[in-house]
Amino acid sequence: MNVVVIMNDTWRYDCLGANGNEVIHTPVLDQFAAESAVFDRSYAGSYPTVPIRHDLLKGRFGAPFHGWLPLEWDALTLPEVMRQNDYVSMLILSTPHLINYGYGFDRPFHAWEMVRGAEIDRWKTDYFQEYALPHREKFNSDEHMAMYNRGRTYRRREAEMDAPRVMQAACDWLERNAGHDNFFLWVDSFDPHEPWDPPDHYIDLYSQDYEGADIFWPKYTEASFYSPGEAERMSARYMGEITMADRWIGRVLDTIDRVGRRHDTIVIVMSDHGHLFGEHDRVSKWGAWLELWDEGAHQFFMVRHPDGMSAGKRIGGLVQPADLAPSILEMVGIEPPAEMAVQGKSWLPLIDGRKRSIRRAAVSAFHPRQGPIDGCQNHISPDGQWAAATVTDLRWQLIDFPEAERRQLYDLAADGGSLQNVIHGNESVADRLHGELLEFLGRHDAPDWLKSVFRDGPDAASQSPLSDWRTHVFNRGTPQAMTPRGKVV
């Protein structure tokens, strides 16, 4: 049995026709959903891009969450276990964070191929000259925009864009490697992550005759920083990027059929997290204090089994990225080695009907030593407020802070847009979900100071070795682009 995983960065759960969006054009994945088990309640654990890949490949949540750090040399991962069991493994990616700066996610695979030029990938030294960027103050940093200019300016045709290139590379690999007895292919597409720059014919599906600031790579900030028209245009660009990605995923699915391997290939198509386009007054992937609302934490996730297992079925049980590794291993008949120390749970029983649920709640959060944006890299903000964790069950979602008065509760069944904080009058629900968080922290090796802070409140921090954890705070952020001196944007 072969396995193909297609990961798509920053693709919101609700941006699929199959998931109820009546505006967006995703015909390929809408058809794929009819052939697949569709998980309606898949939520990130560690957050965002790199920490989520740790969860996925290791089957572990971390302690209690993985940080934005390289893959450890001694970590036993899913692709390595597949290799040990006679699978040919391949990583094809355009997600630069997994390879750049020695992050090492290529190491577990037999081979890897990187499609260059996405976001922070330091790919080219061309185009050092100044270029015009109207409304510069509303775009991302100078370093990022300079890098974008050098790496993207030459692209003109659709086939030269990121999603088409990474999917075409996957098609090429499948054509060359279809003869292997068993293969494990991981395709990691950075699209539809920003910058949102698909060809105009995709943007025109959602926005025409636009004359305002055309922002394709925004700052992460309050929604009020952008006009309603600018926000709508960004959303149109994003949806255009999704429609392009959908089309090219179809090329990979067609190639699996064309090389004669559909009958023995499991195909998983998923996203890692979403993006906020004005919800909760943010244009970002998170709130000002790292709140992860449903728009950010909710993932789309579909599994097509060659035997047609649960084709078209909507799965309501909660699942998380750490569940992927044990699930794939169970599907192909491999026992997870003890040294993996797997924390995730196989969701195969949800597909084959043995169980209706495998967990009571999903917990999503940043690593506790990575904190609010805008320059602060601690769990505590500059004004002394703490970052949040998100606890989601089959109905409710708690944005949980150590300070009880800051907590937010949403009834996802009645308020899918998480518009109304209903914690007042539902304190018992919030307390129950808060208890789920405390139990999660206890099960997943959270440091004592973090358990104390969420159990006893922020005053418990005075009893914690703050000087120790602050000196070891995550401060290994992405190195600045090699920007030439002088004006670059």
Protein backbone atom coordinates (compact mmCIF):
# COMPACT_ATOMS: atom_id res chain seq x y z
CA MET A 1 0.00 0.00 0.00
CA ASN A 2 1.43 3.37 -1.06
CA VAL A 3 0.84 6.67 0.74
CA VAL A 4 0.75 10.19 -0.74
CA VAL A 5 0.32 13.18 1.60
CA ILE A 6 -0.40 16.60 0.08
CA MET A 7 0.02 19.36 2.67
CA ASN A 8 -1.16 22.90 1.85
CA ASP A 9 0.02 25.75 4.06
CA THR A 10 -2.50 28.30 5.39
CA TRP A 11 -5.60 26.85 3.72
CA ARG A 12 -8.67 27.58 5.83
CA TYR A 13 -11.13 24.80 6.55
CA ASP A 14 -14.03 26.93 5.31
CA CYS A 15 -12.34 27.75 2.00
CA LEU A 16 -13.53 24.62 0.22
CA GLY A 17 -16.76 24.12 -1.64
CA ALA A 18 -17.01 20.67 -0.06
CA ASN A 19 -16.99 22.32 3.38
CA GLY A 20 -19.90 24.62 2.61
CA ASN A 21 -18.27 27.62 0.91
CA GLU A 22 -20.60 28.60 -1.93
CA VAL A 23 -18.32 31.28 -3.36
CA ILE A 24 -14.94 29.62 -3.80
CA HIS A 25 -14.11 27.42 -6.81
CA THR A 26 -12.47 24.15 -5.68
CA PRO A 27 -13.88 21.55 -8.10
CA VAL A 28 -10.98 19.11 -7.75
CA LEU A 29 -11.11 18.83 -3.98
CA ASP A 30 -14.90 18.91 -3.98
CA GLN A 31 -14.79 15.74 -6.08
CA PHE A 32 -11.98 14.34 -3.94
CA ALA A 33 -14.15 14.86 -0.86
CA ALA A 34 -16.88 12.72 -2.44
CA GLU A 35 -14.29 9.93 -2.72
CA SER A 36 -12.78 10.40 0.74
CA ALA A 37 -13.42 10.35 4.45
CA VAL A 38 -13.73 14.06 5.33
CA PHE A 39 -12.71 15.07 8.85
CA ASP A 40 -14.80 18.02 9.98
CA ARG A 41 -13.05 18.51 13.33
CA SER A 42 -9.31 18.48 12.66
CA TYR A 43 -7.42 21.03 14.78
CA ALA A 44 -3.79 22.06 15.00
CA GLY A 45 -1.85 21.09 18.10
CA SER A 46 1.52 22.85 18.02
CA TYR A 47 1.38 26.07 16.00
CA PRO A 48 2.18 27.24 13.30
CA THR A 49 4.02 25.84 10.21
CA VAL A 50 7.19 24.23 11.58
CA PRO A 51 5.79 23.11 14.95
CA ILE A 52 2.86 21.47 13.15
CA ARG A 53 5.30 19.48 10.96
CA HIS A 54 7.00 18.24 14.14
CA ASP A 55 3.63 16.93 15.36
CA LEU A 56 2.88 15.31 12.01
CA LEU A 57 6.17 13.52 11.46
CA LYS A 58 6.83 12.48 15.06
CA GLY A 59 3.31 11.64 16.23
CA ARG A 60 3.96 13.74 19.33
CA PHE A 61 2.65 17.01 20.74
CA GLY A 62 5.95 18.06 22.30
CA ALA A 63 6.37 19.36 25.83
CA PRO A 64 3.59 20.39 25.69
CA PHE A 65 3.96 21.85 22.18
CA HIS A 66 6.78 21.83 19.69
CA GLY A 67 8.63 25.09 19.12
CA TRP A 68 9.83 26.66 15.89
CA LEU A 69 13.03 24.63 15.97
CA PRO A 70 14.96 22.23 13.70
CA LEU A 71 14.08 18.56 13.64
CA GLU A 72 16.16 16.84 16.31
CA TRP A 73 18.84 14.46 15.08
CA ASP A 74 17.66 11.70 17.42
CA ALA A 75 13.94 12.02 16.59
CA LEU A 76 12.43 8.88 15.07
CA THR A 77 9.92 10.01 12.46
CA LEU A 78 7.20 8.59 10.26
CA PRO A 79 9.25 8.59 7.02
CA GLU A 80 12.14 6.85 8.77
CA VAL A 81 9.84 4.11 10.05
CA MET A 82 8.44 3.73 6.54
CA ARG A 83 12.00 3.41 5.20
CA GLN A 84 12.77 0.72 7.74
CA ASN A 85 9.81 -1.20 6.37
CA ASP A 86 10.89 -1.15 2.71
CA TYR A 87 9.11 2.01 1.62
CA VAL A 88 10.81 4.40 -0.81
CA SER A 89 10.25 7.83 0.74
CA MET A 90 10.34 11.20 -1.00
CA LEU A 91 9.81 14.80 0.13
CA ILE A 92 8.86 17.39 -2.49
CA LEU A 93 8.35 20.85 -1.03
CA SER A 94 8.15 24.56 -1.58
CA THR A 95 7.81 25.33 2.16
CA PRO A 96 11.20 26.95 2.76
CA HIS A 97 11.20 26.78 6.55
CA LEU A 98 11.61 23.01 6.51
CA ILE A 99 14.96 23.15 4.71
CA ASN A 100 16.43 26.64 5.00
CA TYR A 101 18.76 27.40 7.89
CA GLY A 102 19.42 23.72 8.58
CA TYR A 103 15.98 22.78 9.88
CA GLY A 104 16.53 19.25 8.65
CA PHE A 105 13.09 18.00 7.66
CA ASP A 106 14.69 16.50 4.56
CA ARG A 107 16.78 14.12 6.69
CA PRO A 108 14.20 11.38 7.34
CA PHE A 109 13.43 10.84 3.64
CA HIS A 110 15.38 8.85 1.08
CA ALA A 111 15.52 11.96 -1.09
CA TRP A 112 14.05 15.42 -1.36
CA GLU A 113 13.44 18.10 -3.95
CA MET A 114 12.82 21.73 -3.11
CA VAL A 115 10.96 24.10 -5.40
CA ARG A 116 12.71 27.38 -4.71
CA GLY A 117 11.50 30.92 -4.16
CA ALA A 118 8.62 30.83 -1.68
CA GLU A 119 8.44 33.56 0.98
CA ILE A 120 11.71 33.70 2.95
CA ASP A 121 13.69 31.40 0.66
CA ARG A 122 16.98 33.20 -0.06
CA TRP A 123 17.07 32.05 -3.64
CA LYS A 124 18.31 34.79 -5.94
CA THR A 125 20.49 37.88 -5.97
CA ASP A 126 18.83 39.29 -9.09
CA TYR A 127 16.77 42.49 -9.20
CA PHE A 128 18.69 44.55 -6.72
CA GLN A 129 17.46 47.73 -8.35
CA GLU A 130 14.81 49.86 -6.76
CA TYR A 131 11.26 49.00 -7.72
CA ALA A 132 7.95 50.76 -7.22
CA LEU A 133 5.59 49.36 -4.60
CA PRO A 134 2.59 51.64 -4.08
CA HIS A 135 1.23 51.76 -0.53
CA ARG A 136 4.47 50.30 0.76
CA GLU A 137 3.46 50.90 4.40
CA LYS A 138 0.73 48.25 4.16
CA PHE A 139 2.98 45.42 3.00
CA ASN A 140 5.30 43.11 4.90
CA SER A 141 8.84 44.05 5.94
CA ASP A 142 11.45 45.65 3.70
CA GLU A 143 13.54 42.48 3.87
CA HIS A 144 10.67 40.27 2.77
CA MET A 145 9.55 42.55 -0.02
CA ALA A 146 13.10 42.88 -1.33
CA MET A 147 13.44 39.11 -1.34
CA TYR A 148 10.09 38.81 -3.09
CA ASN A 149 11.26 41.18 -5.80
CA ARG A 150 14.43 39.21 -6.42
CA GLY A 151 12.76 35.81 -6.46
CA ARG A 152 9.38 36.46 -8.05
CA THR A 153 9.65 39.31 -10.51
CA TYR A 154 10.67 37.13 -13.43
CA ARG A 155 7.64 34.85 -13.16
CA ARG A 156 4.96 35.45 -15.75
CA ARG A 157 3.20 32.17 -16.55
CA GLU A 158 0.98 30.11 -14.25
CA ALA A 159 3.31 27.13 -14.54
CA GLU A 160 6.08 29.25 -12.97
CA MET A 161 4.13 29.87 -9.75
CA ASP A 162 4.81 27.94 -6.54
CA ALA A 163 1.82 25.59 -6.36
CA PRO A 164 2.03 24.58 -10.03
CA ARG A 165 5.77 23.95 -9.76
CA VAL A 166 5.62 21.81 -6.63
CA MET A 167 2.67 19.78 -7.94
CA GLN A 168 4.35 19.30 -11.31
CA ALA A 169 7.47 18.08 -9.51
CA ALA A 170 5.26 15.55 -7.72
CA CYS A 171 3.78 14.42 -11.04
CA ASP A 172 7.26 13.99 -12.50
CA TRP A 173 8.38 11.94 -9.49
CA LEU A 174 5.31 9.70 -9.71
CA GLU A 175 5.96 9.03 -13.37
CA ARG A 176 9.56 8.04 -12.65
CA ASN A 177 8.85 6.06 -9.48
CA ALA A 178 5.52 4.33 -10.04
CA GLY A 179 7.32 1.00 -10.34
CA HIS A 180 8.40 0.84 -6.69
CA ASP A 181 6.65 -1.85 -4.69
CA ASN A 182 5.78 0.65 -1.94
CA PHE A 183 6.35 4.39 -1.79
CA PHE A 184 5.65 7.21 0.63
CA LEU A 185 5.45 10.65 -1.01
CA TRP A 186 5.07 13.85 1.03
CA VAL A 187 4.21 16.95 -1.03
CA ASP A 188 4.47 20.13 1.06
CA SER A 189 3.10 23.13 -0.83
CA PHE A 190 3.59 26.58 0.69
CA ASP A 191 0.61 27.91 -1.26
CA PRO A 192 -1.90 29.30 -0.45
CA HIS A 193 0.32 30.98 2.15
CA GLU A 194 1.03 34.61 1.38
CA PRO A 195 2.24 36.30 -0.76
CA TRP A 196 -1.00 35.87 -2.66
CA ASP A 197 0.06 36.44 -6.26
CA PRO A 198 -1.78 34.05 -8.58
CA PRO A 199 -2.31 35.03 -12.22
CA ASP A 200 -5.00 37.63 -12.74
CA HIS A 201 -7.47 35.17 -14.23
CA TYR A 202 -7.78 33.53 -10.81
CA ILE A 203 -8.14 36.82 -8.94
CA ASP A 204 -10.79 37.94 -11.44
CA LEU A 205 -13.01 35.08 -10.31
CA TYR A 206 -13.49 36.93 -7.02
CA SER A 207 -12.65 40.60 -7.68
CA GLN A 208 -12.77 42.70 -10.83
CA ASP A 209 -12.16 46.35 -11.69
CA TYR A 210 -10.41 46.99 -8.39
CA GLU A 211 -8.58 50.34 -8.12
CA GLY A 212 -7.39 50.55 -4.50
CA ALA A 213 -4.21 49.39 -2.79
CA ASP A 214 -3.55 45.88 -4.10
CA ILE A 215 -1.88 44.21 -1.13
CA PHE A 216 -0.63 40.69 -1.73
CA TRP A 217 1.61 40.31 1.35
CA PRO A 218 0.15 42.25 4.29
CA LYS A 219 1.52 43.12 7.67
CA TYR A 220 0.08 41.11 10.55
CA THR A 221 -1.90 43.70 12.44
CA GLU A 222 -5.36 44.98 13.35
CA ALA A 223 -7.98 44.72 10.62
CA SER A 224 -8.68 48.44 10.93
CA PHE A 225 -5.23 49.10 9.44
CA TYR A 226 -6.78 48.14 6.08
CA SER A 227 -9.87 49.56 4.44
CA PRO A 228 -12.83 47.22 3.81
CA GLY A 229 -12.00 47.29 0.10
CA GLU A 230 -8.38 46.39 0.73
CA ALA A 231 -9.40 43.52 2.98
CA GLU A 232 -11.87 42.23 0.41
CA ARG A 233 -9.21 42.38 -2.30
CA MET A 234 -6.73 40.44 -0.13
CA SER A 235 -9.39 37.79 0.44
CA ALA A 236 -9.99 37.61 -3.33
CA ARG A 237 -6.29 37.12 -3.95
CA TYR A 238 -6.20 34.38 -1.34
CA MET A 239 -9.18 32.59 -2.85
CA GLY A 240 -7.60 32.90 -6.29
CA GLU A 241 -4.47 31.25 -4.91
CA ILE A 242 -6.61 28.42 -3.53
CA THR A 243 -8.40 27.88 -6.84
CA MET A 244 -5.04 27.68 -8.62
CA ALA A 245 -3.73 25.20 -6.03
CA ASP A 246 -6.88 23.11 -6.37
CA ARG A 247 -6.38 22.83 -10.11
CA TRP A 248 -2.79 21.65 -9.77
CA ILE A 249 -3.57 19.17 -7.02
CA GLY A 250 -5.83 17.68 -9.65
CA ARG A 251 -2.75 17.08 -11.82
CA VAL A 252 -1.22 14.96 -9.05
CA LEU A 253 -4.41 12.96 -8.56
CA ASP A 254 -4.67 12.40 -12.32
CA THR A 255 -1.06 11.23 -12.42
CA ILE A 256 -1.69 8.66 -9.69
CA ASP A 257 -4.46 7.29 -11.88
CA ARG A 258 -2.43 7.52 -15.08
CA VAL A 259 0.54 5.56 -13.74
CA GLY A 260 -1.80 2.83 -12.54
CA ARG A 261 -1.43 3.20 -8.78
CA ARG A 262 -4.85 4.40 -7.65
CA HIS A 263 -5.88 0.88 -6.64
CA ASP A 264 -3.12 0.65 -3.99
CA THR A 265 -2.46 4.26 -2.93
CA ILE A 266 -3.85 6.08 0.10
CA VAL A 267 -4.06 9.83 -0.60
CA ILE A 268 -4.30 12.37 2.21
CA VAL A 269 -4.93 16.04 1.41
CA MET A 270 -4.81 18.51 4.27
CA SER A 271 -3.92 21.97 5.51
CA ASP A 272 -1.91 23.01 8.54
CA HIS A 273 -3.88 26.08 9.69
CA GLY A 274 -5.90 29.04 8.47
CA HIS A 275 -5.67 32.82 8.30
CA LEU A 276 -7.74 35.73 9.63
CA PHE A 277 -9.09 38.25 7.12
CA GLY A 278 -10.59 40.75 9.54
CA GLU A 279 -12.27 38.32 11.91
CA HIS A 280 -11.58 39.25 15.54
CA ASP A 281 -10.14 42.53 14.19
CA ARG A 282 -7.03 40.81 12.84
CA VAL A 283 -5.31 40.28 9.52
CA SER A 284 -3.00 37.55 10.69
CA LYS A 285 -2.87 33.88 11.65
CA TRP A 286 -3.44 34.68 15.33
CA GLY A 287 -4.57 37.39 17.70
CA ALA A 288 -2.46 40.03 19.41
CA TRP A 289 -1.86 37.65 22.34
CA LEU A 290 -1.56 34.52 20.21
CA GLU A 291 -5.23 33.65 20.43
CA LEU A 292 -6.03 30.85 17.99
CA TRP A 293 -9.66 31.13 17.02
CA ASP A 294 -11.42 28.61 14.81
CA GLU A 295 -10.37 30.40 11.61
CA GLY A 296 -6.72 29.78 12.47
CA ALA A 297 -6.68 26.44 14.30
CA HIS A 298 -9.20 24.54 12.16
CA GLN A 299 -7.67 22.40 9.39
CA PHE A 300 -9.23 20.75 6.38
CA PHE A 301 -8.35 17.05 6.24
CA MET A 302 -9.43 14.30 3.83
CA VAL A 303 -8.34 10.68 3.40
CA ARG A 304 -9.03 8.67 0.24
CA HIS A 305 -8.54 4.95 0.72
CA PRO A 306 -8.22 2.81 -2.43
CA ASP A 307 -10.85 0.41 -1.07
CA GLY A 308 -13.36 3.26 -0.90
CA MET A 309 -13.49 3.13 2.89
CA SER A 310 -16.01 5.74 4.13
CA ALA A 311 -16.00 7.52 0.77
CA GLY A 312 -18.05 10.70 1.13
CA LYS A 313 -18.51 10.23 4.87
CA ARG A 314 -18.17 13.22 7.19
CA ILE A 315 -16.16 12.29 10.28
CA GLY A 316 -17.19 14.24 13.39
CA GLY A 317 -14.56 13.02 15.84
CA LEU A 318 -11.76 15.37 16.91
CA VAL A 319 -8.34 14.67 15.40
CA GLN A 320 -4.98 16.48 15.51
CA PRO A 321 -1.69 16.43 13.57
CA ALA A 322 0.01 14.13 16.11
CA ASP A 323 -2.54 11.49 15.07
CA LEU A 324 -1.27 11.30 11.50
CA ALA A 325 1.81 9.13 12.05
CA PRO A 326 0.11 6.36 14.08
CA SER A 327 -2.84 6.40 11.67
CA ILE A 328 -0.73 5.95 8.54
CA LEU A 329 1.29 3.21 10.22
CA GLU A 330 -1.88 1.36 11.22
CA MET A 331 -3.31 1.67 7.72
CA VAL A 332 -0.23 0.07 6.15
CA GLY A 333 0.15 -2.53 8.89
CA ILE A 334 3.27 -1.24 10.68
CA GLU A 335 3.50 -1.16 14.47
CA PRO A 336 4.89 2.18 15.73
CA PRO A 337 8.30 1.48 17.32
CA ALA A 338 8.44 2.07 21.06
CA GLU A 339 11.23 4.62 20.61
CA MET A 340 8.83 6.91 18.70
CA ALA A 341 6.98 7.40 22.01
CA VAL A 342 3.86 8.24 20.03
CA GLN A 343 1.33 10.48 21.78
CA GLY A 344 -1.17 10.74 18.95
CA LYS A 345 -4.04 8.31 18.40
CA SER A 346 -4.89 6.50 15.20
CA TRP A 347 -8.01 7.85 13.53
CA LEU A 348 -8.45 4.69 11.42
CA PRO A 349 -11.19 3.48 13.82
CA LEU A 350 -13.14 6.64 12.95
CA ILE A 351 -12.98 5.74 9.28
CA ASP A 352 -13.71 2.03 9.52
CA GLY A 353 -16.52 2.51 12.04
CA ARG A 354 -14.97 0.98 15.15
CA LYS A 355 -15.20 4.25 17.09
CA ARG A 356 -17.03 7.56 16.94
CA SER A 357 -14.38 9.54 18.81
CA ILE A 358 -10.78 9.22 19.97
CA ARG A 359 -10.51 12.30 22.21
CA ARG A 360 -12.75 14.61 24.23
CA ALA A 361 -11.01 17.85 23.29
CA ALA A 362 -8.30 19.27 21.03
CA VAL A 363 -5.70 21.66 22.44
CA SER A 364 -3.94 24.13 20.13
CA ALA A 365 -1.25 26.65 21.05
CA PHE A 366 2.15 28.11 20.37
CA HIS A 367 5.16 26.72 22.14
CA PRO A 368 5.01 28.32 25.61
CA ARG A 369 8.31 30.12 25.09
CA GLN A 370 7.23 31.78 21.87
CA GLY A 371 4.91 34.64 22.51
CA PRO A 372 2.97 37.59 21.18
CA ILE A 373 4.00 39.14 17.92
CA ASP A 374 5.20 42.72 17.41
CA GLY A 375 8.69 41.99 18.64
CA CYS A 376 8.01 40.07 21.85
CA GLN A 377 9.37 36.54 21.93
CA ASN A 378 8.17 35.52 25.38
CA HIS A 379 5.02 33.87 26.66
CA ILE A 380 4.42 37.11 28.57
CA SER A 381 3.64 40.27 26.64
CA PRO A 382 5.45 43.58 27.20
CA ASP A 383 2.63 44.77 29.46
CA GLY A 384 2.59 41.59 31.53
CA GLN A 385 -0.32 39.74 29.91
CA TRP A 386 -0.04 36.06 29.03
CA ALA A 387 -0.64 34.31 25.72
CA ALA A 388 -3.59 31.97 25.20
CA ALA A 389 -4.20 28.30 24.52
CA THR A 390 -7.26 27.06 22.62
CA VAL A 391 -9.39 24.13 23.78
CA THR A 392 -12.03 22.80 21.39
CA ASP A 393 -14.60 20.07 21.90
CA LEU A 394 -17.46 18.93 19.67
CA ARG A 395 -19.45 22.10 20.38
CA TRP A 396 -17.44 24.68 22.29
CA GLN A 397 -14.16 26.52 21.88
CA LEU A 398 -12.37 28.15 24.81
CA ILE A 399 -9.67 30.75 24.27
CA ASP A 400 -7.96 30.04 27.56
CA PHE A 401 -5.73 32.49 29.45
CA PRO A 402 -4.16 32.07 32.88
CA GLU A 403 -6.20 35.12 33.85
CA ALA A 404 -9.79 33.85 34.11
CA GLU A 405 -11.24 37.27 33.31
CA ARG A 406 -9.61 37.24 29.85
CA ARG A 407 -11.04 33.90 28.72
CA GLN A 408 -13.39 33.72 25.75
CA LEU A 409 -15.95 30.99 25.01
CA TYR A 410 -17.65 30.38 21.67
CA ASP A 411 -20.53 28.09 20.82
CA LEU A 412 -19.35 26.74 17.46
CA ALA A 413 -22.65 24.96 16.83
CA ALA A 414 -24.65 28.19 17.01
CA ASP A 415 -21.94 30.69 16.08
CA GLY A 416 -19.66 29.22 13.43
CA GLY A 417 -17.94 32.57 12.93
CA SER A 418 -16.93 32.82 16.60
CA LEU A 419 -18.51 36.26 16.78
CA GLN A 420 -20.09 36.16 20.23
CA ASN A 421 -18.16 35.49 23.43
CA VAL A 422 -20.71 33.62 25.57
CA ILE A 423 -18.59 32.82 28.60
CA HIS A 424 -20.96 34.69 30.91
CA GLY A 425 -23.70 32.24 31.75
CA ASN A 426 -21.60 29.29 30.60
CA GLU A 427 -18.90 29.36 33.23
CA SER A 428 -19.28 25.63 33.91
CA VAL A 429 -18.47 24.86 30.26
CA ALA A 430 -15.40 27.10 30.41
CA ASP A 431 -14.27 25.43 33.64
CA ARG A 432 -14.65 21.98 32.08
CA LEU A 433 -12.58 22.94 29.03
CA HIS A 434 -10.02 24.62 31.25
CA GLY A 435 -9.76 21.31 33.08
CA GLU A 436 -9.11 19.60 29.75
CA LEU A 437 -6.19 21.98 29.20
CA LEU A 438 -4.72 21.25 32.64
CA GLU A 439 -5.02 17.52 31.99
CA PHE A 440 -3.35 17.94 28.60
CA LEU A 441 -0.45 19.88 30.12
CA GLY A 442 0.01 17.16 32.71
CA ARG A 443 0.04 14.39 30.10
CA HIS A 444 2.48 16.10 27.77
CA ASP A 445 5.43 17.07 29.96
CA ALA A 446 4.60 20.76 30.34
CA PRO A 447 7.13 22.60 32.51
CA ASP A 448 6.00 23.07 36.10
CA TRP A 449 5.86 26.84 35.78
CA LEU A 450 3.40 26.60 32.89
CA LYS A 451 1.14 24.14 34.70
CA SER A 452 1.22 26.40 37.76
CA VAL A 453 0.36 29.52 35.79
CA PHE A 454 -2.68 27.96 34.09
CA ARG A 455 -3.76 26.16 37.27
CA ASP A 456 -3.23 28.91 39.85
CA GLY A 457 -3.20 32.08 37.75
CA PRO A 458 -0.44 34.46 36.66
CA ASP A 459 0.67 35.19 40.23
CA ALA A 460 2.07 31.65 40.29
CA ALA A 461 4.78 32.88 37.94
CA SER A 462 6.58 34.36 40.95
CA GLN A 463 7.21 30.81 42.11
CA SER A 464 8.57 29.72 38.71
CA PRO A 465 12.17 29.88 37.44
CA LEU A 466 11.37 32.78 35.15
CA SER A 467 14.99 33.86 34.83
CA ASP A 468 15.83 30.38 33.61
CA TRP A 469 13.13 30.01 30.98
CA ARG A 470 13.48 33.58 29.79
CA THR A 471 17.17 33.00 29.09
CA HIS A 472 16.19 29.98 27.02
CA VAL A 473 13.31 31.71 25.28
CA PHE A 474 12.75 30.99 21.61
CA ASN A 475 14.77 33.73 19.96
CA ARG A 476 16.05 31.91 16.93
CA GLY A 477 13.78 33.74 14.55
CA THR A 478 14.30 33.66 10.84
CA PRO A 479 17.56 35.44 9.97
CA GLN A 480 17.05 38.67 8.14
CA ALA A 481 17.22 38.54 4.40
CA MET A 482 20.51 39.65 2.91
CA THR A 483 19.20 43.05 1.91
CA PRO A 484 21.53 45.34 -0.03
CA ARG A 485 22.22 48.72 1.50
CA GLY A 486 20.19 51.60 0.26
CA LYS A 487 16.65 51.72 -1.06
CA VAL A 488 15.33 48.36 -2.12
CA VAL A 489 11.59 48.84 -2.14
